[in-house]
Amino acid sequence: MTDLKEVFQKYGADYETTMARFMDSEQMYLRILAMLPRDENLHKLDQALQAGDYQAAFDAAHALKGMAGNLGLAPFYQAVCDIVEPLRAGGKLDYSPLFQSVQKEYEQAAALLELLK
């Protein structure tokens, strides 16, 4: 298994702050991180945006924001913040570029699991 601290630093995450949130237990963190691919909120966000349901899109994006923040996935968290705020404001705009950024960062965050095996 690759060193979590090293992978975190390369990814752009704050290892110390995140591990403090998980009582310095890498094992606990990895168990929670392993749940990321099962989370449905990225799919819900995509579907809601396609349907023009901005409240549902906000709800899904806000859930992703909390998950990314709690997991210390800083690049993913920032991408989600970039879409959450206009949704919170009720902006009706082309969210495609913002969603693509969220999707890209989600995939990179999910790839951490493979690096850590």
Protein backbone atom coordinates (compact mmCIF):
# COMPACT_ATOMS: atom_id res chain seq x y z
CA MET A 1 0.00 0.00 0.00
CA THR A 2 1.23 3.48 -0.85
CA ASP A 3 1.80 5.95 1.97
CA LEU A 4 -1.40 7.94 2.63
CA LYS A 5 0.47 11.09 3.66
CA GLU A 6 2.49 11.09 0.44
CA VAL A 7 -0.60 10.50 -1.73
CA PHE A 8 -2.48 13.24 0.13
CA GLN A 9 0.29 15.77 -0.38
CA LYS A 10 0.57 14.98 -4.10
CA TYR A 11 -3.21 15.32 -4.41
CA GLY A 12 -3.15 18.72 -2.70
CA ALA A 13 -4.86 17.80 0.56
CA ASP A 14 -3.98 18.71 4.15
CA TYR A 15 -2.98 15.41 5.75
CA GLU A 16 -2.58 16.65 9.33
CA THR A 17 -5.93 18.45 9.53
CA THR A 18 -7.76 15.56 7.92
CA MET A 19 -6.17 12.92 10.10
CA ALA A 20 -7.03 14.98 13.20
CA ARG A 21 -10.67 14.84 12.07
CA PHE A 22 -10.36 11.04 11.94
CA MET A 23 -8.62 10.74 15.33
CA ASP A 24 -5.31 10.10 13.53
CA SER A 25 -6.62 6.77 12.27
CA GLU A 26 -5.63 6.16 8.67
CA GLN A 27 -7.56 2.90 8.81
CA MET A 28 -10.79 4.71 9.74
CA TYR A 29 -10.17 7.32 7.05
CA LEU A 30 -9.63 4.68 4.38
CA ARG A 31 -12.85 2.89 5.37
CA ILE A 32 -14.79 6.13 4.94
CA LEU A 33 -12.98 7.08 1.72
CA ALA A 34 -13.89 3.65 0.30
CA MET A 35 -17.54 4.72 0.48
CA LEU A 36 -16.96 7.53 -2.03
CA PRO A 37 -17.70 5.48 -5.17
CA ARG A 38 -21.04 4.37 -3.69
CA ASP A 39 -22.23 7.91 -3.03
CA GLU A 40 -25.07 8.85 -5.39
CA ASN A 41 -24.83 12.64 -5.13
CA LEU A 42 -22.71 13.18 -8.24
CA HIS A 43 -25.31 11.32 -10.29
CA LYS A 44 -28.13 13.23 -8.55
CA LEU A 45 -26.39 16.52 -9.31
CA ASP A 46 -26.03 15.60 -12.98
CA GLN A 47 -29.67 14.50 -13.27
CA ALA A 48 -30.99 17.58 -11.47
CA LEU A 49 -28.96 19.94 -13.65
CA GLN A 50 -30.19 18.21 -16.80
CA ALA A 51 -33.77 18.54 -15.55
CA GLY A 52 -33.32 22.17 -14.57
CA ASP A 53 -34.19 21.32 -10.96
CA TYR A 54 -31.80 23.77 -9.30
CA GLN A 55 -33.00 23.06 -5.77
CA ALA A 56 -32.28 19.34 -6.15
CA ALA A 57 -28.96 20.24 -7.80
CA PHE A 58 -28.09 22.45 -4.85
CA ASP A 59 -29.01 19.71 -2.38
CA ALA A 60 -26.80 17.16 -4.15
CA ALA A 61 -23.92 19.60 -4.58
CA HIS A 62 -24.15 20.67 -0.95
CA ALA A 63 -23.98 17.02 0.16
CA LEU A 64 -20.90 16.52 -2.04
CA LYS A 65 -19.35 19.64 -0.53
CA GLY A 66 -19.78 18.27 2.99
CA MET A 67 -18.38 14.90 2.04
CA ALA A 68 -15.37 16.39 0.22
CA GLY A 69 -14.68 18.76 3.09
CA ASN A 70 -14.91 16.09 5.76
CA LEU A 71 -12.63 13.79 3.76
CA GLY A 72 -10.10 16.59 3.27
CA LEU A 73 -10.28 16.29 -0.52
CA ALA A 74 -9.36 19.94 -1.09
CA PRO A 75 -9.34 20.05 -4.93
CA PHE A 76 -12.69 18.22 -5.08
CA TYR A 77 -14.08 20.44 -2.32
CA GLN A 78 -13.09 23.61 -4.20
CA ALA A 79 -14.70 22.40 -7.44
CA VAL A 80 -17.92 21.63 -5.58
CA CYS A 81 -17.86 25.04 -3.86
CA ASP A 82 -17.64 26.65 -7.28
CA ILE A 83 -20.98 25.11 -8.27
CA VAL A 84 -22.71 25.28 -4.87
CA GLU A 85 -22.58 29.04 -4.53
CA PRO A 86 -24.36 29.96 -7.80
CA LEU A 87 -26.90 27.22 -7.10
CA ARG A 88 -27.43 28.63 -3.60
CA ALA A 89 -28.05 32.05 -5.15
CA GLY A 90 -30.59 30.51 -7.51
CA GLY A 91 -28.62 31.39 -10.60
CA LYS A 92 -29.97 29.93 -13.81
CA LEU A 93 -26.89 29.60 -15.97
CA ASP A 94 -24.99 27.03 -17.97
CA TYR A 95 -23.63 24.77 -15.24
CA SER A 96 -21.92 22.39 -17.69
CA PRO A 97 -18.37 23.70 -17.20
CA LEU A 98 -18.76 23.74 -13.43
CA PHE A 99 -20.23 20.23 -13.41
CA GLN A 100 -17.41 18.96 -15.64
CA SER A 101 -14.91 20.34 -13.14
CA VAL A 102 -16.74 18.64 -10.27
CA GLN A 103 -16.83 15.38 -12.20
CA LYS A 104 -13.11 15.58 -13.04
CA GLU A 105 -12.15 16.25 -9.42
CA TYR A 106 -14.48 13.48 -8.21
CA GLU A 107 -12.73 11.03 -10.52
CA GLN A 108 -9.32 12.14 -9.26
CA ALA A 109 -10.48 11.78 -5.65
CA ALA A 110 -11.87 8.32 -6.39
CA ALA A 111 -8.55 7.41 -8.03
CA LEU A 112 -6.89 7.91 -4.65
CA LEU A 113 -8.44 4.62 -3.61
CA GLU A 114 -6.56 2.80 -6.34
CA LEU A 115 -3.29 4.48 -5.39
CA LEU A 116 -3.75 3.43 -1.79
CA LYS A 117 -4.32 -0.27 -2.46
